[in-house]
C-alpha cells in the first residue's frame, strides 16, 4: 500500500531487489519482504517505524543507478553540512 500511495513502481523499478532500510541500513529485503507483501502483513506486523524507507532500486546500472544516486546525494550533502558548521563558529 505504501508503495502504491507513493505513485507505484516505475517501469525501471527492480522489484526483486526491494528492501526496507532504517537509518541507511537494510532491515528487511529480498525473499522475506516479498513473502510479507504476498501475505498482506501490516506495518505493525513488520515492526516498521516512522522514518523507515522503502528502497526500490532501478534496473541496470546507468547514470541514475542506486549507487550513483547515493554518491551524488552524499556529495551534495557535504557542502551543506560544512556551510552549516561554519555558520556556528
Protein backbone atom coordinates (compact mmCIF):
# COMPACT_ATOMS: atom_id res chain seq x y z
CA UNK A 1 0.00 0.00 0.00
CA UNK A 2 2.80 2.43 0.89
CA UNK A 3 4.49 1.87 -2.46
CA UNK A 4 1.23 2.43 -4.32
CA UNK A 5 0.47 5.58 -2.29
CA UNK A 6 3.87 6.90 -3.37
CA UNK A 7 2.82 6.55 -7.01
CA UNK A 8 3.68 2.89 -7.58
CA UNK A 9 6.80 1.39 -9.11
CA UNK A 10 8.13 2.77 -12.38
CA UNK A 11 8.97 0.70 -15.43
CA UNK A 12 12.62 0.84 -14.42
CA UNK A 13 12.00 -0.49 -10.89
CA UNK A 14 13.88 -3.63 -9.92
CA UNK A 15 11.17 -5.10 -7.69
CA UNK A 16 13.17 -8.25 -6.95
CA UNK A 17 15.64 -6.07 -5.00
CA UNK A 18 13.10 -4.04 -2.99
CA UNK A 19 14.12 -3.58 0.65
CA UNK A 20 13.35 -1.60 3.77
CA UNK A 21 16.09 0.46 5.41
CA UNK A 22 16.35 2.06 8.81
CA UNK A 23 18.99 4.77 9.21
CA UNK A 24 20.57 3.68 5.92
CA UNK A 25 20.94 0.02 6.92
CA UNK A 26 18.78 -2.71 5.37
CA UNK A 27 16.42 -4.31 7.89
CA UNK A 28 14.34 -6.42 5.51
CA UNK A 29 14.67 -7.36 1.89
CA UNK A 30 14.55 -9.87 -0.90
CA UNK A 31 12.54 -13.01 -0.15
CA UNK A 32 11.47 -12.07 3.38
CA UNK A 33 9.96 -8.79 2.25
CA UNK A 34 8.34 -10.30 -0.82
CA UNK A 35 6.74 -13.00 1.35
CA UNK A 36 5.47 -10.37 3.80
CA UNK A 37 3.93 -8.38 0.93
CA UNK A 38 2.32 -11.52 -0.55
CA UNK A 39 0.89 -12.41 2.87
CA UNK A 40 -0.52 -8.91 3.27
CA UNK A 41 1.30 -8.21 6.54
CA UNK A 42 0.69 -4.84 8.15
CA UNK A 43 3.20 -2.18 9.19
CA UNK A 44 2.70 -3.25 12.81
CA UNK A 45 3.33 -6.91 11.97
CA UNK A 46 6.59 -5.94 10.26
CA UNK A 47 7.67 -3.77 13.23
CA UNK A 48 8.23 -0.79 10.95
CA UNK A 49 8.76 2.66 12.45
CA UNK A 50 8.39 6.23 11.30
CA UNK A 51 11.44 7.08 9.20
CA UNK A 52 11.94 3.59 7.75
CA UNK A 53 12.41 3.79 3.99
CA UNK A 54 11.22 1.51 1.20
CA UNK A 55 14.04 1.38 -1.35
CA UNK A 56 13.24 0.23 -4.88
CA UNK A 57 16.45 0.17 -6.98
CA UNK A 58 16.41 0.81 -10.73
CA UNK A 59 17.13 -1.87 -13.29
CA UNK A 60 20.56 -1.65 -14.91
CA UNK A 61 23.44 0.45 -13.76
CA UNK A 62 23.13 3.62 -15.81
CA UNK A 63 23.58 7.23 -14.76
CA UNK A 64 20.68 7.10 -12.30
CA UNK A 65 21.54 3.75 -10.71
CA UNK A 66 21.21 3.43 -6.95
CA UNK A 67 24.97 3.58 -6.16
CA UNK A 68 25.34 6.65 -8.37
CA UNK A 69 22.39 8.42 -6.75
CA UNK A 70 23.66 7.62 -3.23
CA UNK A 71 27.08 9.03 -4.13
CA UNK A 72 25.51 12.17 -5.61
CA UNK A 73 23.32 12.68 -2.53
CA UNK A 74 26.34 12.33 -0.23
CA UNK A 75 28.37 14.76 -2.32
CA UNK A 76 25.51 17.28 -2.27
CA UNK A 77 25.02 16.91 1.48
CA UNK A 78 28.65 17.53 2.43
CA UNK A 79 28.85 21.19 1.31
CA UNK A 80 25.58 21.98 3.10
CA UNK A 81 26.85 20.36 6.30
CA UNK A 82 30.18 22.21 6.09
CA UNK A 83 28.40 25.53 5.47
CA UNK A 84 26.10 24.89 8.43
CA UNK A 85 29.04 24.13 10.72
CA UNK A 86 30.90 27.22 9.51
CA UNK A 87 27.90 29.38 10.44
CA UNK A 88 28.01 28.04 14.02
CA UNK A 89 31.58 29.23 14.53
